[in-house]
Amino acid sequence: MKKIPPKTTRKIRNYVARNPLMGKGGAHVKAKSGERFAGKQKMRREAREWKGSRDISPLVAVASCMFPPILTGC
């Protein structure tokens, strides 16, 4: 019978990188919760700007009380 030579194991070059826990690592990206929060902030900011542009400014309200409606265009 023919003898089979024993398999030699190669030396692992970087044993720390081969650790199974290191497989969980990866590129540093923003968390999904952070992206959701940023989206909510953006939506709220745009809603405030939209609402602010539709409100009557206080100066126009005061002017409409002081001057007759003919001058204010009402």
Foldseek 3Di string as FASTA:
>chain_A
DDDDDDDDDDDDPDVVCVPPVVVVDDDDDDDPVVVVVVVVVVVVVVVVVVVVVPDDDPVLVVVPVVDPCVVSVD
